[in-house]
C-alpha atoms as a PDB file:
ATOM      1  CA  UNK A   1      19.036  -9.952   5.932  1.00  0.00           C
ATOM      2  CA  UNK A   2      16.993  -7.178   7.605  1.00  0.00           C
ATOM      3  CA  UNK A   3      18.852  -3.936   8.453  1.00  0.00           C
ATOM      4  CA  UNK A   4      16.737  -3.164  11.672  1.00  0.00           C
ATOM      5  CA  UNK A   5      15.632  -5.259  14.564  1.00  0.00           C
ATOM      6  CA  UNK A   6      12.129  -6.804  14.363  1.00  0.00           C
ATOM      7  CA  UNK A   7      10.469  -6.043  17.605  1.00  0.00           C
ATOM      8  CA  UNK A   8       9.085  -9.011  19.432  1.00  0.00           C
ATOM      9  CA  UNK A   9       5.720  -7.965  20.901  1.00  0.00           C
ATOM     10  CA  UNK A  10       6.145 -10.228  23.864  1.00  0.00           C
ATOM     11  CA  UNK A  11       9.474  -8.566  24.949  1.00  0.00           C
ATOM     12  CA  UNK A  12       9.321  -4.848  24.440  1.00  0.00           C
ATOM     13  CA  UNK A  13       8.036  -1.685  26.008  1.00  0.00           C
ATOM     14  CA  UNK A  14       4.349  -1.494  27.064  1.00  0.00           C
ATOM     15  CA  UNK A  15       3.621   1.028  24.352  1.00  0.00           C
ATOM     16  CA  UNK A  16       5.116  -1.036  21.585  1.00  0.00           C
ATOM     17  CA  UNK A  17       3.446  -4.196  23.016  1.00  0.00           C
ATOM     18  CA  UNK A  18       0.006  -2.511  23.009  1.00  0.00           C
ATOM     19  CA  UNK A  19       0.433  -1.357  19.347  1.00  0.00           C
ATOM     20  CA  UNK A  20       1.717  -4.699  18.168  1.00  0.00           C
ATOM     21  CA  UNK A  21      -0.925  -6.653  20.066  1.00  0.00           C
ATOM     22  CA  UNK A  22      -3.607  -4.572  18.233  1.00  0.00           C
ATOM     23  CA  UNK A  23      -2.024  -5.294  14.929  1.00  0.00           C
ATOM     24  CA  UNK A  24      -1.523  -9.040  15.798  1.00  0.00           C
ATOM     25  CA  UNK A  25      -5.253  -9.263  16.618  1.00  0.00           C
ATOM     26  CA  UNK A  26      -6.187  -7.722  13.274  1.00  0.00           C
ATOM     27  CA  UNK A  27      -3.998 -10.066  11.246  1.00  0.00           C
ATOM     28  CA  UNK A  28      -3.866 -13.140  13.479  1.00  0.00           C
ATOM     29  CA  UNK A  29      -0.028 -12.641  13.290  1.00  0.00           C
ATOM     30  CA  UNK A  30       2.528  -9.846  13.610  1.00  0.00           C
ATOM     31  CA  UNK A  31       3.729  -9.023  10.048  1.00  0.00           C
ATOM     32  CA  UNK A  32       7.400  -8.183   9.889  1.00  0.00           C
ATOM     33  CA  UNK A  33       6.759  -4.705   8.543  1.00  0.00           C
ATOM     34  CA  UNK A  34       4.990  -3.574  11.599  1.00  0.00           C
ATOM     35  CA  UNK A  35       7.666  -5.247  13.819  1.00  0.00           C
ATOM     36  CA  UNK A  36      10.263  -3.191  12.003  1.00  0.00           C
ATOM     37  CA  UNK A  37       8.289  -0.017  12.187  1.00  0.00           C
ATOM     38  CA  UNK A  38       7.759  -0.617  16.051  1.00  0.00           C
ATOM     39  CA  UNK A  39      11.332   0.647  16.436  1.00  0.00           C
ATOM     40  CA  UNK A  40       9.705   4.024  16.321  1.00  0.00           C
ATOM     41  CA  UNK A  41       6.224   3.954  18.120  1.00  0.00           C
ATOM     42  CA  UNK A  42       5.237   7.320  16.735  1.00  0.00           C
ATOM     43  CA  UNK A  43       5.898   6.065  13.182  1.00  0.00           C
ATOM     44  CA  UNK A  44       3.878   2.886  13.981  1.00  0.00           C
ATOM     45  CA  UNK A  45       0.964   4.840  15.364  1.00  0.00           C
ATOM     46  CA  UNK A  46       0.965   6.957  12.233  1.00  0.00           C
ATOM     47  CA  UNK A  47       1.066   3.992   9.842  1.00  0.00           C
ATOM     48  CA  UNK A  48      -1.549   1.977  11.764  1.00  0.00           C
ATOM     49  CA  UNK A  49      -3.824   4.913  12.130  1.00  0.00           C
ATOM     50  CA  UNK A  50      -3.583   5.683   8.445  1.00  0.00           C
ATOM     51  CA  UNK A  51      -4.491   2.150   7.474  1.00  0.00           C
ATOM     52  CA  UNK A  52      -7.482   2.354   9.775  1.00  0.00           C
ATOM     53  CA  UNK A  53      -8.580   5.710   8.534  1.00  0.00           C
ATOM     54  CA  UNK A  54      -8.228   4.895   4.838  1.00  0.00           C
ATOM     55  CA  UNK A  55      -9.903   1.470   5.458  1.00  0.00           C
ATOM     56  CA  UNK A  56     -13.102   3.437   6.260  1.00  0.00           C
ATOM     57  CA  UNK A  57     -12.749   5.748   3.231  1.00  0.00           C
ATOM     58  CA  UNK A  58     -14.936   6.115   0.158  1.00  0.00           C
ATOM     59  CA  UNK A  59     -12.828   4.381  -2.428  1.00  0.00           C
ATOM     60  CA  UNK A  60     -13.120   0.966  -0.862  1.00  0.00           C
ATOM     61  CA  UNK A  61     -10.827  -1.839   0.042  1.00  0.00           C
ATOM     62  CA  UNK A  62     -10.615  -3.390  -3.425  1.00  0.00           C
ATOM     63  CA  UNK A  63      -9.383  -0.132  -5.116  1.00  0.00           C
ATOM     64  CA  UNK A  64      -7.097   0.572  -2.166  1.00  0.00           C
ATOM     65  CA  UNK A  65      -5.428  -2.904  -2.526  1.00  0.00           C
ATOM     66  CA  UNK A  66      -5.033  -2.390  -6.272  1.00  0.00           C
ATOM     67  CA  UNK A  67      -3.434   1.039  -5.763  1.00  0.00           C
ATOM     68  CA  UNK A  68      -1.099  -0.585  -3.170  1.00  0.00           C
ATOM     69  CA  UNK A  69      -0.134  -3.402  -5.734  1.00  0.00           C
ATOM     70  CA  UNK A  70       0.546  -0.874  -8.406  1.00  0.00           C
ATOM     71  CA  UNK A  71       2.689   1.376  -6.215  1.00  0.00           C
ATOM     72  CA  UNK A  72       4.566  -1.610  -4.691  1.00  0.00           C
ATOM     73  CA  UNK A  73       5.273  -2.971  -8.174  1.00  0.00           C
ATOM     74  CA  UNK A  74       6.434   0.475  -9.409  1.00  0.00           C
ATOM     75  CA  UNK A  75       8.698   0.877  -6.422  1.00  0.00           C
ATOM     76  CA  UNK A  76       9.947  -2.754  -6.677  1.00  0.00           C
ATOM     77  CA  UNK A  77       8.827  -3.416  -3.161  1.00  0.00           C
ATOM     78  CA  UNK A  78       8.632  -7.120  -2.822  1.00  0.00           C
ATOM     79  CA  UNK A  79       7.273  -6.995   0.714  1.00  0.00           C
ATOM     80  CA  UNK A  80       4.302  -4.738  -0.082  1.00  0.00           C
ATOM     81  CA  UNK A  81       3.527  -6.469  -3.365  1.00  0.00           C
ATOM     82  CA  UNK A  82       3.323  -9.847  -1.546  1.00  0.00           C
ATOM     83  CA  UNK A  83       1.271  -8.356   1.389  1.00  0.00           C
ATOM     84  CA  UNK A  84      -1.208  -6.425  -0.705  1.00  0.00           C
ATOM     85  CA  UNK A  85      -1.607  -9.231  -3.183  1.00  0.00           C
ATOM     86  CA  UNK A  86      -2.652 -11.385  -0.258  1.00  0.00           C
ATOM     87  CA  UNK A  87      -4.866  -8.637   1.124  1.00  0.00           C
ATOM     88  CA  UNK A  88      -6.348  -7.912  -2.242  1.00  0.00           C
ATOM     89  CA  UNK A  89      -7.314 -11.635  -2.579  1.00  0.00           C
ATOM     90  CA  UNK A  90      -8.843 -11.437   0.950  1.00  0.00           C
ATOM     91  CA  UNK A  91     -10.899  -8.397  -0.274  1.00  0.00           C
ATOM     92  CA  UNK A  92     -12.253 -10.444  -3.058  1.00  0.00           C
ATOM     93  CA  UNK A  93     -10.036  -9.539  -5.989  1.00  0.00           C
ATOM     94  CA  UNK A  94      -8.942 -12.240  -8.562  1.00  0.00           C
ATOM     95  CA  UNK A  95      -5.344 -13.009  -9.188  1.00  0.00           C
ATOM     96  CA  UNK A  96      -5.701 -11.697 -12.714  1.00  0.00           C
ATOM     97  CA  UNK A  97      -7.059  -8.444 -11.448  1.00  0.00           C
ATOM     98  CA  UNK A  98      -4.210  -8.007  -9.047  1.00  0.00           C
ATOM     99  CA  UNK A  99      -1.686  -8.859 -11.676  1.00  0.00           C
ATOM    100  CA  UNK A 100      -3.200  -6.268 -14.083  1.00  0.00           C
ATOM    101  CA  UNK A 101      -3.074  -3.723 -11.235  1.00  0.00           C
ATOM    102  CA  UNK A 102       0.731  -4.190 -10.953  1.00  0.00           C
ATOM    103  CA  UNK A 103       0.976  -2.306 -14.249  1.00  0.00           C
ATOM    104  CA  UNK A 104      -1.810   0.180 -13.520  1.00  0.00           C
ATOM    105  CA  UNK A 105      -4.286  -1.704 -15.669  1.00  0.00           C
ATOM    106  CA  UNK A 106      -7.877  -2.825 -15.127  1.00  0.00           C
ATOM    107  CA  UNK A 107     -10.811  -4.006 -17.259  1.00  0.00           C
ATOM    108  CA  UNK A 108     -12.849  -1.336 -15.472  1.00  0.00           C
ATOM    109  CA  UNK A 109     -12.193   2.134 -16.936  1.00  0.00           C
ATOM    110  CA  UNK A 110     -12.823   3.930 -13.627  1.00  0.00           C
ATOM    111  CA  UNK A 111     -10.402   1.730 -11.816  1.00  0.00           C
ATOM    112  CA  UNK A 112      -7.852   2.026 -14.600  1.00  0.00           C
ATOM    113  CA  UNK A 113      -7.967   5.861 -14.425  1.00  0.00           C
ATOM    114  CA  UNK A 114      -7.330   5.684 -10.613  1.00  0.00           C
ATOM    115  CA  UNK A 115      -4.375   3.334 -10.993  1.00  0.00           C
ATOM    116  CA  UNK A 116      -2.806   5.452 -13.770  1.00  0.00           C
ATOM    117  CA  UNK A 117      -3.292   8.510 -11.668  1.00  0.00           C
ATOM    118  CA  UNK A 118      -1.704   6.830  -8.756  1.00  0.00           C
ATOM    119  CA  UNK A 119       1.316   5.738 -10.785  1.00  0.00           C
ATOM    120  CA  UNK A 120       1.670   9.113 -12.303  1.00  0.00           C
ATOM    121  CA  UNK A 121       1.894  10.610  -8.812  1.00  0.00           C
ATOM    122  CA  UNK A 122       4.635   8.037  -7.949  1.00  0.00           C
ATOM    123  CA  UNK A 123       6.565   8.518 -11.197  1.00  0.00           C
ATOM    124  CA  UNK A 124       6.348  12.292 -11.313  1.00  0.00           C
ATOM    125  CA  UNK A 125       6.842  12.775  -7.476  1.00  0.00           C
ATOM    126  CA  UNK A 126       3.360  14.418  -7.237  1.00  0.00           C
ATOM    127  CA  UNK A 127       4.020  16.798 -10.204  1.00  0.00           C
ATOM    128  CA  UNK A 128       0.906  15.764 -12.076  1.00  0.00           C
ATOM    129  CA  UNK A 129      -0.716  17.976 -14.703  1.00  0.00           C
ATOM    130  CA  UNK A 130      -4.125  19.563 -14.685  1.00  0.00           C
ATOM    131  CA  UNK A 131      -5.084  17.073 -17.480  1.00  0.00           C
ATOM    132  CA  UNK A 132      -4.144  14.128 -15.225  1.00  0.00           C
ATOM    133  CA  UNK A 133      -6.298  15.377 -12.373  1.00  0.00           C
ATOM    134  CA  UNK A 134      -9.108  16.088 -14.821  1.00  0.00           C
ATOM    135  CA  UNK A 135      -8.870  12.586 -16.302  1.00  0.00           C
ATOM    136  CA  UNK A 136      -9.328  10.873 -12.960  1.00  0.00           C
ATOM    137  CA  UNK A 137     -12.220  13.291 -12.224  1.00  0.00           C
ATOM    138  CA  UNK A 138     -13.682  12.636 -15.664  1.00  0.00           C
ATOM    139  CA  UNK A 139     -13.548   8.863 -14.819  1.00  0.00           C
ATOM    140  CA  UNK A 140     -16.041   9.446 -12.049  1.00  0.00           C
ATOM    141  CA  UNK A 141     -14.002  10.328  -8.970  1.00  0.00           C
ATOM    142  CA  UNK A 142     -14.898  13.296  -6.882  1.00  0.00           C
ATOM    143  CA  UNK A 143     -12.635  15.442  -4.880  1.00  0.00           C
ATOM    144  CA  UNK A 144     -12.916  13.306  -1.766  1.00  0.00           C
ATOM    145  CA  UNK A 145     -12.110  10.083  -3.666  1.00  0.00           C
ATOM    146  CA  UNK A 146      -9.142  11.820  -5.454  1.00  0.00           C
ATOM    147  CA  UNK A 147      -7.679  13.069  -2.076  1.00  0.00           C
ATOM    148  CA  UNK A 148      -7.960   9.537  -0.784  1.00  0.00           C
ATOM    149  CA  UNK A 149      -6.135   8.155  -3.851  1.00  0.00           C
ATOM    150  CA  UNK A 150      -3.319  10.519  -3.116  1.00  0.00           C
ATOM    151  CA  UNK A 151      -3.441   9.426   0.631  1.00  0.00           C
ATOM    152  CA  UNK A 152      -3.150   5.846  -0.417  1.00  0.00           C
ATOM    153  CA  UNK A 153      -0.231   6.613  -2.625  1.00  0.00           C
ATOM    154  CA  UNK A 154       1.462   8.411   0.301  1.00  0.00           C
ATOM    155  CA  UNK A 155       0.829   5.638   2.733  1.00  0.00           C
ATOM    156  CA  UNK A 156       2.120   3.058   0.306  1.00  0.00           C
ATOM    157  CA  UNK A 157       5.284   5.104  -0.334  1.00  0.00           C
ATOM    158  CA  UNK A 158       5.888   5.127   3.401  1.00  0.00           C
ATOM    159  CA  UNK A 159       5.393   1.351   3.689  1.00  0.00           C
ATOM    160  CA  UNK A 160       7.415   0.672   0.432  1.00  0.00           C
ATOM    161  CA  UNK A 161      10.301   2.721   1.677  1.00  0.00           C
ATOM    162  CA  UNK A 162      10.319   1.095   5.240  1.00  0.00           C
ATOM    163  CA  UNK A 163      10.547  -2.297   3.594  1.00  0.00           C
ATOM    164  CA  UNK A 164      13.139  -1.418   1.008  1.00  0.00           C
ATOM    165  CA  UNK A 165      15.397   0.608   3.307  1.00  0.00           C
ATOM    166  CA  UNK A 166      15.388  -1.887   6.133  1.00  0.00           C
ATOM    167  CA  UNK A 167      15.295  -5.049   3.843  1.00  0.00           C
ATOM    168  CA  UNK A 168      12.349  -6.363   5.886  1.00  0.00           C
ATOM    169  CA  UNK A 169      11.941 -10.114   5.266  1.00  0.00           C
ATOM    170  CA  UNK A 170       8.844 -10.954   3.404  1.00  0.00           C
ATOM    171  CA  UNK A 171       6.391 -13.004   5.386  1.00  0.00           C
ATOM    172  CA  UNK A 172       3.609 -13.323   2.882  1.00  0.00           C
ATOM    173  CA  UNK A 173       3.463 -15.494  -0.190  1.00  0.00           C
ATOM    174  CA  UNK A 174       5.966 -14.072  -2.821  1.00  0.00           C
ATOM    175  CA  UNK A 175       4.666 -12.305  -5.944  1.00  0.00           C
ATOM    176  CA  UNK A 176       6.844 -11.667  -8.892  1.00  0.00           C
ATOM    177  CA  UNK A 177       7.375  -8.120  -9.978  1.00  0.00           C
ATOM    178  CA  UNK A 178       6.366  -7.211 -13.547  1.00  0.00           C
ATOM    179  CA  UNK A 179       8.049  -4.518 -15.739  1.00  0.00           C
ATOM    180  CA  UNK A 180       6.609  -1.211 -14.932  1.00  0.00           C
ATOM    181  CA  UNK A 181       4.834   0.822 -17.760  1.00  0.00           C
ATOM    182  CA  UNK A 182       5.155   4.505 -17.761  1.00  0.00           C
ATOM    183  CA  UNK A 183       2.170   6.521 -16.519  1.00  0.00           C
ATOM    184  CA  UNK A 184       0.288   8.622 -18.937  1.00  0.00           C
END
């Protein structure tokens, strides 16, 4: 059972309603995570604004979703794993590609480097080495893309923690967690 009310966009304050209406229009529904975060409009504005900004970034939707799946799996966030697996499929990623991303793997060396870097950030709480930064750079990511990878990790930590802390009910098709591999 969820630990925080899920705000109904049709019976809330005008500010919350406006934010939730925008999200509802984007998804065709009001995902429970956003309804939970709507308890704090400033947090919802921050989260939604971050999704919008990063959605226009240089690393692209497919890599963004693979990072989200990897981080969700590592943090054992059932909600985010389900949501980003669905969003990844919508972005054109195959089921096998998303499953591999759960463990930071990809058949594409550049994507694999980004996923491993993202998981190293999570596992080491940002305390990555010069060699880890150099490895993602050597894989073909410039400074702008590397900063975006860090931003995607940070946003996904926010969403993972919201869903885990408040036990937000999953309203996307469930996806099984896989045992996490340690980052290199």
